[in-house]
Amino acid sequence: MNSETSKLILLEAEKLGFEHCGFAPYEFLEQEAKYIDGWLKRGYNGSKKYLQDNFEQIIDPSKILPGVQSVIVLLKSYYPPYLQPDYCAYKISKYAYGKDYHQVMKKKISRLSNFIRKNFTNSHARSFVDSGRVLEKKWAVKAGLGWQGKNTLFIKPGEGSFFFIGVILTNLELDYNEPFAQDLCRNCSLCISNCPTGALVKPYVLDARKCISYQTFEPGDEIPESFRGKMNNWIYGCDTCQDVCPHNRHPFVTTDNSFMPIQSIVNMTTDDWNDLNENNFDSVFEKSAIKRYPLKTLKRNIFFLEK
């Protein structure tokens, strides 16, 4: 293992603005394969087929990068310094307050991948952000950065769960962190008892079909009637299971300008949301992740709350 290589990568990750970086040795994800297989057989993925489509790559990163030796995991906080005002009746997930994280994270992680390829002889690196081909949360645990909570989300001790996770696969050998072995959820089940729709069917198991976040992104003309009166005004995503988590009492607040709340979005009134049309939608959400879904989906979510 090369300590100097690891130190240089850690230093570059810090320069790029990542709050945390960890290294895990490549391995075939045998236990995760069994879990995902059972999860899929129960239909908990709903219409999201990426796990079936990419199953072999998800459980075995060597299918993505032959010769992979290490998995580099990077954390970037997105918790905003302030929240939507109370007069904003419609709620959006905090990750959508600022610029589209896909663009911001991809740029930063690509720079780190380029740094690796440029500075280390015969090195290879592939980077991923929310791609569906890498189990980011599992690798974050294996890289010693935290644990996966009962709400199925990754949690960083003392800093909470409001983090974007990026992953780089490389053929370099690095100084590896010990996997995070504790489950600091302990006897707490607030995320489960507070989920408005019962999407957390048991600890560590999410039925995506019952998840508000999933339904606000799901294409189609209707949201199931079973969600009537349970949406709690969420029209884009849902943060409920994170907001009630005791480990988010003192979240790591971002200082990155890219994830500062966009005023024209977080301050939108009910009338502003209802007045959105094809002419102004693209301009209002030009830099936002909200633009990744069509206006008709957003309008459907609003209509469902109001009818």
C-alpha atoms as a PDB file:
ATOM      1  CA  MET A   1       0.000   0.000   0.000  1.00  0.00           C
ATOM      2  CA  ASN A   2       1.240   3.456  -0.877  1.00  0.00           C
ATOM      3  CA  SER A   3       0.879   5.934   1.971  1.00  0.00           C
ATOM      4  CA  GLU A   4       2.244   8.830  -0.052  1.00  0.00           C
ATOM      5  CA  THR A   5      -0.268   8.215  -2.840  1.00  0.00           C
ATOM      6  CA  SER A   6      -3.102   8.109  -0.326  1.00  0.00           C
ATOM      7  CA  LYS A   7      -1.965  11.351   1.298  1.00  0.00           C
ATOM      8  CA  LEU A   8      -1.800  13.145  -2.042  1.00  0.00           C
ATOM      9  CA  ILE A   9      -5.305  12.013  -2.983  1.00  0.00           C
ATOM     10  CA  LEU A  10      -6.661  13.089   0.407  1.00  0.00           C
ATOM     11  CA  LEU A  11      -5.015  16.493   0.027  1.00  0.00           C
ATOM     12  CA  GLU A  12      -6.423  16.979  -3.468  1.00  0.00           C
ATOM     13  CA  ALA A  13      -9.899  15.932  -2.300  1.00  0.00           C
ATOM     14  CA  GLU A  14      -9.702  18.561   0.428  1.00  0.00           C
ATOM     15  CA  LYS A  15      -8.621  21.198  -2.090  1.00  0.00           C
ATOM     16  CA  LEU A  16     -11.639  20.353  -4.217  1.00  0.00           C
ATOM     17  CA  GLY A  17     -13.930  21.022  -1.264  1.00  0.00           C
ATOM     18  CA  PHE A  18     -14.872  17.540  -0.106  1.00  0.00           C
ATOM     19  CA  GLU A  19     -15.397  17.422   3.644  1.00  0.00           C
ATOM     20  CA  HIS A  20     -14.480  13.750   3.950  1.00  0.00           C
ATOM     21  CA  CYS A  21     -12.644  11.131   1.930  1.00  0.00           C
ATOM     22  CA  GLY A  22     -12.159   7.443   2.695  1.00  0.00           C
ATOM     23  CA  PHE A  23     -10.605   4.396   1.014  1.00  0.00           C
ATOM     24  CA  ALA A  24     -11.935   0.844   0.872  1.00  0.00           C
ATOM     25  CA  PRO A  25     -10.379  -2.220  -0.763  1.00  0.00           C
ATOM     26  CA  TYR A  26     -12.292  -3.642  -3.696  1.00  0.00           C
ATOM     27  CA  GLU A  27     -14.402  -6.688  -2.946  1.00  0.00           C
ATOM     28  CA  PHE A  28     -17.281  -8.611  -4.438  1.00  0.00           C
ATOM     29  CA  LEU A  29     -20.390  -7.503  -2.525  1.00  0.00           C
ATOM     30  CA  GLU A  30     -21.781 -10.904  -1.622  1.00  0.00           C
ATOM     31  CA  GLN A  31     -24.026  -9.868   1.290  1.00  0.00           C
ATOM     32  CA  GLU A  32     -25.335  -6.874  -0.605  1.00  0.00           C
ATOM     33  CA  ALA A  33     -26.133  -9.096  -3.588  1.00  0.00           C
ATOM     34  CA  LYS A  34     -28.374 -11.280  -1.415  1.00  0.00           C
ATOM     35  CA  TYR A  35     -30.126  -8.251   0.066  1.00  0.00           C
ATOM     36  CA  ILE A  36     -30.744  -6.589  -3.308  1.00  0.00           C
ATOM     37  CA  ASP A  37     -32.005  -9.829  -4.814  1.00  0.00           C
ATOM     38  CA  GLY A  38     -34.577 -10.239  -2.042  1.00  0.00           C
ATOM     39  CA  TRP A  39     -35.510  -6.545  -2.214  1.00  0.00           C
ATOM     40  CA  LEU A  40     -36.143  -6.767  -5.934  1.00  0.00           C
ATOM     41  CA  LYS A  41     -38.185  -9.948  -5.621  1.00  0.00           C
ATOM     42  CA  ARG A  42     -40.521  -8.118  -3.231  1.00  0.00           C
ATOM     43  CA  GLY A  43     -40.980  -5.383  -5.827  1.00  0.00           C
ATOM     44  CA  TYR A  44     -39.735  -2.702  -3.456  1.00  0.00           C
ATOM     45  CA  ASN A  45     -37.954  -0.927  -6.315  1.00  0.00           C
ATOM     46  CA  GLY A  46     -41.232  -0.082  -8.061  1.00  0.00           C
ATOM     47  CA  SER A  47     -40.638   1.013 -11.633  1.00  0.00           C
ATOM     48  CA  LYS A  48     -36.978   1.828 -11.069  1.00  0.00           C
ATOM     49  CA  LYS A  49     -35.197  -0.869 -13.048  1.00  0.00           C
ATOM     50  CA  TYR A  50     -31.599   0.287 -12.721  1.00  0.00           C
ATOM     51  CA  LEU A  51     -30.796  -2.307 -10.058  1.00  0.00           C
ATOM     52  CA  GLN A  52     -31.888  -5.165 -12.293  1.00  0.00           C
ATOM     53  CA  ASP A  53     -30.257  -3.612 -15.349  1.00  0.00           C
ATOM     54  CA  ASN A  54     -26.916  -3.050 -13.616  1.00  0.00           C
ATOM     55  CA  PHE A  55     -26.971  -5.859 -11.053  1.00  0.00           C
ATOM     56  CA  GLU A  56     -23.665  -7.490 -12.063  1.00  0.00           C
ATOM     57  CA  GLN A  57     -21.799  -4.190 -12.046  1.00  0.00           C
ATOM     58  CA  ILE A  58     -23.362  -3.056  -8.779  1.00  0.00           C
ATOM     59  CA  ILE A  59     -22.210  -6.098  -6.828  1.00  0.00           C
ATOM     60  CA  ASP A  60     -18.860  -6.418  -8.610  1.00  0.00           C
ATOM     61  CA  PRO A  61     -17.070  -3.152  -9.511  1.00  0.00           C
ATOM     62  CA  SER A  62     -14.476  -5.111 -11.491  1.00  0.00           C
ATOM     63  CA  LYS A  63     -17.196  -5.397 -14.148  1.00  0.00           C
ATOM     64  CA  ILE A  64     -16.937  -1.624 -14.470  1.00  0.00           C
ATOM     65  CA  LEU A  65     -13.178  -1.199 -14.083  1.00  0.00           C
ATOM     66  CA  PRO A  66     -11.148  -4.370 -14.684  1.00  0.00           C
ATOM     67  CA  GLY A  67      -8.214  -4.489 -12.316  1.00  0.00           C
ATOM     68  CA  VAL A  68      -9.889  -2.268  -9.718  1.00  0.00           C
ATOM     69  CA  GLN A  69      -8.079  -2.359  -6.376  1.00  0.00           C
ATOM     70  CA  SER A  70      -9.632   0.484  -4.415  1.00  0.00           C
ATOM     71  CA  VAL A  71     -12.847   2.423  -3.925  1.00  0.00           C
ATOM     72  CA  ILE A  72     -12.483   6.098  -3.020  1.00  0.00           C
ATOM     73  CA  VAL A  73     -15.541   7.604  -1.302  1.00  0.00           C
ATOM     74  CA  LEU A  74     -16.107  11.349  -1.078  1.00  0.00           C
ATOM     75  CA  LEU A  75     -18.628  13.284   0.995  1.00  0.00           C
ATOM     76  CA  LYS A  76     -19.960  16.751   0.273  1.00  0.00           C
ATOM     77  CA  SER A  77     -22.411  18.447   2.654  1.00  0.00           C
ATOM     78  CA  TYR A  78     -25.505  20.140   1.256  1.00  0.00           C
ATOM     79  CA  TYR A  79     -27.409  21.103   4.406  1.00  0.00           C
ATOM     80  CA  PRO A  80     -28.413  24.750   3.873  1.00  0.00           C
ATOM     81  CA  PRO A  81     -27.732  27.573   6.332  1.00  0.00           C
ATOM     82  CA  TYR A  82     -31.468  28.375   6.333  1.00  0.00           C
ATOM     83  CA  LEU A  83     -34.687  26.675   5.254  1.00  0.00           C
ATOM     84  CA  GLN A  84     -37.715  27.591   3.169  1.00  0.00           C
ATOM     85  CA  PRO A  85     -39.763  30.311   4.917  1.00  0.00           C
ATOM     86  CA  ASP A  86     -42.974  29.244   6.635  1.00  0.00           C
ATOM     87  CA  TYR A  87     -45.079  31.030   4.022  1.00  0.00           C
ATOM     88  CA  CYS A  88     -43.776  28.611   1.367  1.00  0.00           C
ATOM     89  CA  ALA A  89     -46.577  26.072   1.595  1.00  0.00           C
ATOM     90  CA  TYR A  90     -45.014  23.655  -0.874  1.00  0.00           C
ATOM     91  CA  LYS A  91     -41.834  21.932   0.261  1.00  0.00           C
ATOM     92  CA  ILE A  92     -38.830  20.717  -1.711  1.00  0.00           C
ATOM     93  CA  SER A  93     -35.979  18.530  -0.493  1.00  0.00           C
ATOM     94  CA  LYS A  94     -32.993  20.438   0.801  1.00  0.00           C
ATOM     95  CA  TYR A  95     -30.679  18.909  -1.770  1.00  0.00           C
ATOM     96  CA  ALA A  96     -32.607  20.891  -4.406  1.00  0.00           C
ATOM     97  CA  TYR A  97     -32.172  24.278  -2.723  1.00  0.00           C
ATOM     98  CA  GLY A  98     -28.970  25.056  -4.602  1.00  0.00           C
ATOM     99  CA  LYS A  99     -27.406  24.197  -7.928  1.00  0.00           C
ATOM    100  CA  ASP A 100     -27.918  20.770  -9.458  1.00  0.00           C
ATOM    101  CA  TYR A 101     -25.644  18.503  -7.433  1.00  0.00           C
ATOM    102  CA  HIS A 102     -25.161  16.168 -10.371  1.00  0.00           C
ATOM    103  CA  GLN A 103     -23.311  18.899 -12.235  1.00  0.00           C
ATOM    104  CA  VAL A 104     -21.366  20.221  -9.246  1.00  0.00           C
ATOM    105  CA  MET A 105     -20.310  16.825  -7.911  1.00  0.00           C
ATOM    106  CA  LYS A 106     -19.467  15.390 -11.315  1.00  0.00           C
ATOM    107  CA  LYS A 107     -17.154  18.288 -12.025  1.00  0.00           C
ATOM    108  CA  LYS A 108     -15.325  17.961  -8.710  1.00  0.00           C
ATOM    109  CA  ILE A 109     -15.015  14.174  -8.876  1.00  0.00           C
ATOM    110  CA  SER A 110     -13.884  14.276 -12.499  1.00  0.00           C
ATOM    111  CA  ARG A 111     -11.111  16.636 -11.466  1.00  0.00           C
ATOM    112  CA  LEU A 112      -9.971  14.202  -8.793  1.00  0.00           C
ATOM    113  CA  SER A 113     -10.085  11.315 -11.280  1.00  0.00           C
ATOM    114  CA  ASN A 114      -8.009  13.358 -13.712  1.00  0.00           C
ATOM    115  CA  PHE A 115      -5.563  14.152 -10.921  1.00  0.00           C
ATOM    116  CA  ILE A 116      -5.115  10.447 -10.251  1.00  0.00           C
ATOM    117  CA  ARG A 117      -4.602   9.539 -13.897  1.00  0.00           C
ATOM    118  CA  LYS A 118      -2.167  12.410 -14.416  1.00  0.00           C
ATOM    119  CA  ASN A 119      -0.013  11.976 -11.320  1.00  0.00           C
ATOM    120  CA  PHE A 120       0.286   8.216 -10.852  1.00  0.00           C
ATOM    121  CA  THR A 121       1.885   6.018 -13.490  1.00  0.00           C
ATOM    122  CA  ASN A 122      -0.389   3.469 -15.190  1.00  0.00           C
ATOM    123  CA  SER A 123      -3.309   4.510 -13.025  1.00  0.00           C
ATOM    124  CA  HIS A 124      -6.949   4.236 -14.017  1.00  0.00           C
ATOM    125  CA  ALA A 125      -9.939   5.898 -12.421  1.00  0.00           C
ATOM    126  CA  ARG A 126     -13.700   5.937 -13.028  1.00  0.00           C
ATOM    127  CA  SER A 127     -15.939   8.362 -11.156  1.00  0.00           C
ATOM    128  CA  PHE A 128     -19.624   8.082 -10.245  1.00  0.00           C
ATOM    129  CA  VAL A 129     -22.287  10.340  -8.765  1.00  0.00           C
ATOM    130  CA  ASP A 130     -25.776   8.933  -8.301  1.00  0.00           C
ATOM    131  CA  SER A 131     -25.299   6.741 -11.357  1.00  0.00           C
ATOM    132  CA  GLY A 132     -27.167   3.615 -10.272  1.00  0.00           C
ATOM    133  CA  ARG A 133     -24.147   1.416 -10.931  1.00  0.00           C
ATOM    134  CA  VAL A 134     -22.389   1.875  -7.594  1.00  0.00           C
ATOM    135  CA  LEU A 135     -23.699   1.332  -4.054  1.00  0.00           C
ATOM    136  CA  GLU A 136     -22.403   4.639  -2.716  1.00  0.00           C
ATOM    137  CA  LYS A 137     -23.815   4.218   0.791  1.00  0.00           C
ATOM    138  CA  LYS A 138     -22.414   0.722   1.245  1.00  0.00           C
ATOM    139  CA  TRP A 139     -18.974   1.800   0.069  1.00  0.00           C
ATOM    140  CA  ALA A 140     -19.065   4.807   2.413  1.00  0.00           C
ATOM    141  CA  VAL A 141     -19.536   2.379   5.313  1.00  0.00           C
ATOM    142  CA  LYS A 142     -16.734   0.132   4.046  1.00  0.00           C
ATOM    143  CA  ALA A 143     -14.507   3.218   3.758  1.00  0.00           C
ATOM    144  CA  GLY A 144     -15.040   3.913   7.461  1.00  0.00           C
ATOM    145  CA  LEU A 145     -16.968   7.159   7.056  1.00  0.00           C
ATOM    146  CA  GLY A 146     -20.170   6.213   8.869  1.00  0.00           C
ATOM    147  CA  TRP A 147     -23.055   3.755   8.924  1.00  0.00           C
ATOM    148  CA  GLN A 148     -26.274   3.128   7.032  1.00  0.00           C
ATOM    149  CA  GLY A 149     -29.232   4.019   9.216  1.00  0.00           C
ATOM    150  CA  LYS A 150     -32.626   2.448   9.704  1.00  0.00           C
ATOM    151  CA  ASN A 151     -33.949   4.939   7.146  1.00  0.00           C
ATOM    152  CA  THR A 152     -31.479   3.293   4.681  1.00  0.00           C
ATOM    153  CA  LEU A 153     -29.510   6.554   4.371  1.00  0.00           C
ATOM    154  CA  PHE A 154     -25.827   7.031   5.092  1.00  0.00           C
ATOM    155  CA  ILE A 155     -25.098   8.865   8.341  1.00  0.00           C
ATOM    156  CA  LYS A 156     -21.814  10.497   9.315  1.00  0.00           C
ATOM    157  CA  PRO A 157     -21.247  10.413  13.109  1.00  0.00           C
ATOM    158  CA  GLY A 158     -21.676  13.858  14.628  1.00  0.00           C
ATOM    159  CA  GLU A 159     -22.560  15.432  11.267  1.00  0.00           C
ATOM    160  CA  GLY A 160     -25.734  13.759  10.054  1.00  0.00           C
ATOM    161  CA  SER A 161     -26.976  12.458   6.740  1.00  0.00           C
ATOM    162  CA  PHE A 162     -27.227  15.509   4.517  1.00  0.00           C
ATOM    163  CA  PHE A 163     -24.292  14.558   2.323  1.00  0.00           C
ATOM    164  CA  PHE A 164     -23.856  13.882  -1.352  1.00  0.00           C
ATOM    165  CA  ILE A 165     -21.695  10.812  -1.953  1.00  0.00           C
ATOM    166  CA  GLY A 166     -19.279  10.360  -4.825  1.00  0.00           C
ATOM    167  CA  VAL A 167     -17.245   7.278  -5.678  1.00  0.00           C
ATOM    168  CA  ILE A 168     -14.069   6.701  -7.664  1.00  0.00           C
ATOM    169  CA  LEU A 169     -12.885   3.249  -8.697  1.00  0.00           C
ATOM    170  CA  THR A 170      -9.141   2.955  -9.256  1.00  0.00           C
ATOM    171  CA  ASN A 171      -6.475   0.323  -9.849  1.00  0.00           C
ATOM    172  CA  LEU A 172      -4.221   1.989  -7.279  1.00  0.00           C
ATOM    173  CA  GLU A 173      -3.614   0.335  -3.930  1.00  0.00           C
ATOM    174  CA  LEU A 174      -4.221   2.753  -1.070  1.00  0.00           C
ATOM    175  CA  ASP A 175      -4.117   2.939   2.711  1.00  0.00           C
ATOM    176  CA  TYR A 176      -7.545   1.597   3.619  1.00  0.00           C
ATOM    177  CA  ASN A 177      -9.816   2.686   6.412  1.00  0.00           C
ATOM    178  CA  GLU A 178     -11.389   0.135   8.694  1.00  0.00           C
ATOM    179  CA  PRO A 179     -15.075  -0.394   7.855  1.00  0.00           C
ATOM    180  CA  PHE A 180     -17.419   1.444  10.196  1.00  0.00           C
ATOM    181  CA  ALA A 181     -18.616  -1.354  12.449  1.00  0.00           C
ATOM    182  CA  GLN A 182     -21.087   0.437  14.748  1.00  0.00           C
ATOM    183  CA  ASP A 183     -24.801   0.964  14.298  1.00  0.00           C
ATOM    184  CA  LEU A 184     -25.476   4.204  16.135  1.00  0.00           C
ATOM    185  CA  CYS A 185     -29.206   4.065  15.469  1.00  0.00           C
ATOM    186  CA  ARG A 186     -29.363   1.687  18.450  1.00  0.00           C
ATOM    187  CA  ASN A 187     -32.961   1.478  19.727  1.00  0.00           C
ATOM    188  CA  CYS A 188     -34.181   4.609  17.951  1.00  0.00           C
ATOM    189  CA  SER A 189     -36.950   4.183  15.376  1.00  0.00           C
ATOM    190  CA  LEU A 190     -38.104   7.784  14.855  1.00  0.00           C
ATOM    191  CA  CYS A 191     -37.578   7.594  11.103  1.00  0.00           C
ATOM    192  CA  ILE A 192     -39.851   4.558  10.889  1.00  0.00           C
ATOM    193  CA  SER A 193     -42.617   5.880  13.150  1.00  0.00           C
ATOM    194  CA  ASN A 194     -42.601   9.319  11.486  1.00  0.00           C
ATOM    195  CA  CYS A 195     -42.645   8.195   7.858  1.00  0.00           C
ATOM    196  CA  PRO A 196     -46.061   9.510   6.720  1.00  0.00           C
ATOM    197  CA  THR A 197     -46.693   6.642   4.303  1.00  0.00           C
ATOM    198  CA  GLY A 198     -45.047   3.687   6.052  1.00  0.00           C
ATOM    199  CA  ALA A 199     -42.387   3.385   3.370  1.00  0.00           C
ATOM    200  CA  LEU A 200     -39.876   2.085   5.908  1.00  0.00           C
ATOM    201  CA  VAL A 201     -41.489  -1.320   6.214  1.00  0.00           C
ATOM    202  CA  LYS A 202     -38.936  -2.365   8.807  1.00  0.00           C
ATOM    203  CA  PRO A 203     -35.509  -1.154   9.963  1.00  0.00           C
ATOM    204  CA  TYR A 204     -33.113  -0.779   7.028  1.00  0.00           C
ATOM    205  CA  VAL A 205     -35.750  -1.713   4.443  1.00  0.00           C
ATOM    206  CA  LEU A 206     -37.478   0.846   2.203  1.00  0.00           C
ATOM    207  CA  ASP A 207     -40.427   0.080  -0.042  1.00  0.00           C
ATOM    208  CA  ALA A 208     -39.813   2.761  -2.661  1.00  0.00           C
ATOM    209  CA  ARG A 209     -43.385   2.473  -3.933  1.00  0.00           C
ATOM    210  CA  LYS A 210     -44.617   3.916  -0.629  1.00  0.00           C
ATOM    211  CA  CYS A 211     -41.982   6.656  -0.462  1.00  0.00           C
ATOM    212  CA  ILE A 212     -43.147  10.252  -0.997  1.00  0.00           C
ATOM    213  CA  SER A 213     -39.839  11.146  -2.612  1.00  0.00           C
ATOM    214  CA  TYR A 214     -40.211   8.291  -5.097  1.00  0.00           C
ATOM    215  CA  GLN A 215     -43.789   9.232  -5.929  1.00  0.00           C
ATOM    216  CA  THR A 216     -42.970  12.900  -6.554  1.00  0.00           C
ATOM    217  CA  PHE A 217     -40.499  11.796  -9.226  1.00  0.00           C
ATOM    218  CA  GLU A 218     -42.500   8.899 -10.664  1.00  0.00           C
ATOM    219  CA  PRO A 219     -43.744   9.623 -14.202  1.00  0.00           C
ATOM    220  CA  GLY A 220     -47.433   9.332 -14.971  1.00  0.00           C
ATOM    221  CA  ASP A 221     -50.636  11.236 -14.497  1.00  0.00           C
ATOM    222  CA  GLU A 222     -51.574  10.097 -11.011  1.00  0.00           C
ATOM    223  CA  ILE A 223     -50.209   9.697  -7.501  1.00  0.00           C
ATOM    224  CA  PRO A 224     -51.861   6.731  -5.744  1.00  0.00           C
ATOM    225  CA  GLU A 225     -54.924   7.642  -3.693  1.00  0.00           C
ATOM    226  CA  SER A 226     -53.287   5.905  -0.717  1.00  0.00           C
ATOM    227  CA  PHE A 227     -51.077   9.008  -0.454  1.00  0.00           C
ATOM    228  CA  ARG A 228     -54.085  11.291   0.056  1.00  0.00           C
ATOM    229  CA  GLY A 229     -53.517  13.509   3.097  1.00  0.00           C
ATOM    230  CA  LYS A 230     -50.048  12.071   3.740  1.00  0.00           C
ATOM    231  CA  MET A 231     -47.807  14.138   1.472  1.00  0.00           C
ATOM    232  CA  ASN A 232     -47.254  16.848   4.114  1.00  0.00           C
ATOM    233  CA  ASN A 233     -46.911  19.426   1.307  1.00  0.00           C
ATOM    234  CA  TRP A 234     -43.871  17.782  -0.282  1.00  0.00           C
ATOM    235  CA  ILE A 235     -43.875  18.400  -4.027  1.00  0.00           C
ATOM    236  CA  TYR A 236     -40.262  17.516  -4.796  1.00  0.00           C
ATOM    237  CA  GLY A 237     -38.637  14.824  -2.704  1.00  0.00           C
ATOM    238  CA  CYS A 238     -39.135  14.358   1.036  1.00  0.00           C
ATOM    239  CA  ASP A 239     -36.775  14.895   3.981  1.00  0.00           C
ATOM    240  CA  THR A 240     -39.006  13.618   6.787  1.00  0.00           C
ATOM    241  CA  CYS A 241     -36.898  10.626   7.818  1.00  0.00           C
ATOM    242  CA  GLN A 242     -33.818  12.855   7.897  1.00  0.00           C
ATOM    243  CA  ASP A 243     -35.457  15.775   9.679  1.00  0.00           C
ATOM    244  CA  VAL A 244     -36.587  13.595  12.612  1.00  0.00           C
ATOM    245  CA  CYS A 245     -33.267  11.772  12.930  1.00  0.00           C
ATOM    246  CA  PRO A 246     -31.453  12.653  16.188  1.00  0.00           C
ATOM    247  CA  HIS A 247     -28.153  12.523  14.321  1.00  0.00           C
ATOM    248  CA  ASN A 248     -29.302  15.527  12.288  1.00  0.00           C
ATOM    249  CA  ARG A 249     -29.815  17.765  15.303  1.00  0.00           C
ATOM    250  CA  HIS A 250     -26.507  19.418  14.498  1.00  0.00           C
ATOM    251  CA  PRO A 251     -25.971  18.764  10.785  1.00  0.00           C
ATOM    252  CA  PHE A 252     -22.841  19.789   8.939  1.00  0.00           C
ATOM    253  CA  VAL A 253     -23.950  23.051   7.322  1.00  0.00           C
ATOM    254  CA  THR A 254     -22.520  23.618   3.867  1.00  0.00           C
ATOM    255  CA  THR A 255     -20.392  26.661   3.090  1.00  0.00           C
ATOM    256  CA  ASP A 256     -20.122  25.824  -0.601  1.00  0.00           C
ATOM    257  CA  ASN A 257     -21.619  28.595  -2.723  1.00  0.00           C
ATOM    258  CA  SER A 258     -22.912  26.023  -5.198  1.00  0.00           C
ATOM    259  CA  PHE A 259     -25.284  24.633  -2.580  1.00  0.00           C
ATOM    260  CA  MET A 260     -26.436  27.919  -1.102  1.00  0.00           C
ATOM    261  CA  PRO A 261     -30.231  28.265  -1.436  1.00  0.00           C
ATOM    262  CA  ILE A 262     -31.267  29.897  -4.697  1.00  0.00           C
ATOM    263  CA  GLN A 263     -33.447  32.762  -3.479  1.00  0.00           C
ATOM    264  CA  SER A 264     -35.818  32.711  -6.433  1.00  0.00           C
ATOM    265  CA  ILE A 265     -36.629  29.067  -5.634  1.00  0.00           C
ATOM    266  CA  VAL A 266     -36.690  28.752  -1.836  1.00  0.00           C
ATOM    267  CA  ASN A 267     -38.741  31.933  -1.466  1.00  0.00           C
ATOM    268  CA  MET A 268     -41.428  30.897  -3.958  1.00  0.00           C
ATOM    269  CA  THR A 269     -44.967  31.399  -2.689  1.00  0.00           C
ATOM    270  CA  THR A 270     -47.916  29.132  -3.375  1.00  0.00           C
ATOM    271  CA  ASP A 271     -48.958  31.475  -6.185  1.00  0.00           C
ATOM    272  CA  ASP A 272     -45.460  31.374  -7.665  1.00  0.00           C
ATOM    273  CA  TRP A 273     -45.565  27.583  -7.840  1.00  0.00           C
ATOM    274  CA  ASN A 274     -49.045  27.550  -9.335  1.00  0.00           C
ATOM    275  CA  ASP A 275     -48.095  30.177 -11.912  1.00  0.00           C
ATOM    276  CA  LEU A 276     -45.266  28.104 -13.349  1.00  0.00           C
ATOM    277  CA  ASN A 277     -45.640  27.430 -17.060  1.00  0.00           C
ATOM    278  CA  GLU A 278     -43.562  26.134 -19.936  1.00  0.00           C
ATOM    279  CA  ASN A 279     -42.317  29.661 -20.660  1.00  0.00           C
ATOM    280  CA  ASN A 280     -40.842  30.372 -17.226  1.00  0.00           C
ATOM    281  CA  PHE A 281     -40.073  26.871 -15.897  1.00  0.00           C
ATOM    282  CA  ASP A 282     -36.683  26.534 -17.584  1.00  0.00           C
ATOM    283  CA  SER A 283     -35.548  29.999 -16.563  1.00  0.00           C
ATOM    284  CA  VAL A 284     -36.623  29.673 -12.913  1.00  0.00           C
ATOM    285  CA  PHE A 285     -34.926  26.283 -12.481  1.00  0.00           C
ATOM    286  CA  GLU A 286     -32.070  26.768 -14.938  1.00  0.00           C
ATOM    287  CA  LYS A 287     -29.387  25.711 -12.433  1.00  0.00           C
ATOM    288  CA  SER A 288     -31.531  23.494 -10.205  1.00  0.00           C
ATOM    289  CA  ALA A 289     -31.934  19.723  -9.975  1.00  0.00           C
ATOM    290  CA  ILE A 290     -35.682  20.349 -10.142  1.00  0.00           C
ATOM    291  CA  LYS A 291     -35.307  20.901 -13.875  1.00  0.00           C
ATOM    292  CA  ARG A 292     -34.333  17.233 -14.259  1.00  0.00           C
ATOM    293  CA  TYR A 293     -38.029  16.364 -14.108  1.00  0.00           C
ATOM    294  CA  PRO A 294     -40.676  17.809 -16.444  1.00  0.00           C
ATOM    295  CA  LEU A 295     -42.998  20.602 -15.391  1.00  0.00           C
ATOM    296  CA  LYS A 296     -46.015  18.321 -15.822  1.00  0.00           C
ATOM    297  CA  THR A 297     -44.707  16.071 -13.017  1.00  0.00           C
ATOM    298  CA  LEU A 298     -44.316  19.039 -10.678  1.00  0.00           C
ATOM    299  CA  LYS A 299     -47.767  20.319 -11.619  1.00  0.00           C
ATOM    300  CA  ARG A 300     -49.231  16.871 -10.984  1.00  0.00           C
ATOM    301  CA  ASN A 301     -47.737  16.848  -7.473  1.00  0.00           C
ATOM    302  CA  ILE A 302     -49.167  20.283  -6.720  1.00  0.00           C
ATOM    303  CA  PHE A 303     -52.555  19.333  -8.152  1.00  0.00           C
ATOM    304  CA  PHE A 304     -52.635  16.203  -5.974  1.00  0.00           C
ATOM    305  CA  LEU A 305     -52.120  18.307  -2.837  1.00  0.00           C
ATOM    306  CA  GLU A 306     -54.857  20.744  -3.746  1.00  0.00           C
ATOM    307  CA  LYS A 307     -57.662  18.589  -5.164  1.00  0.00           C
END
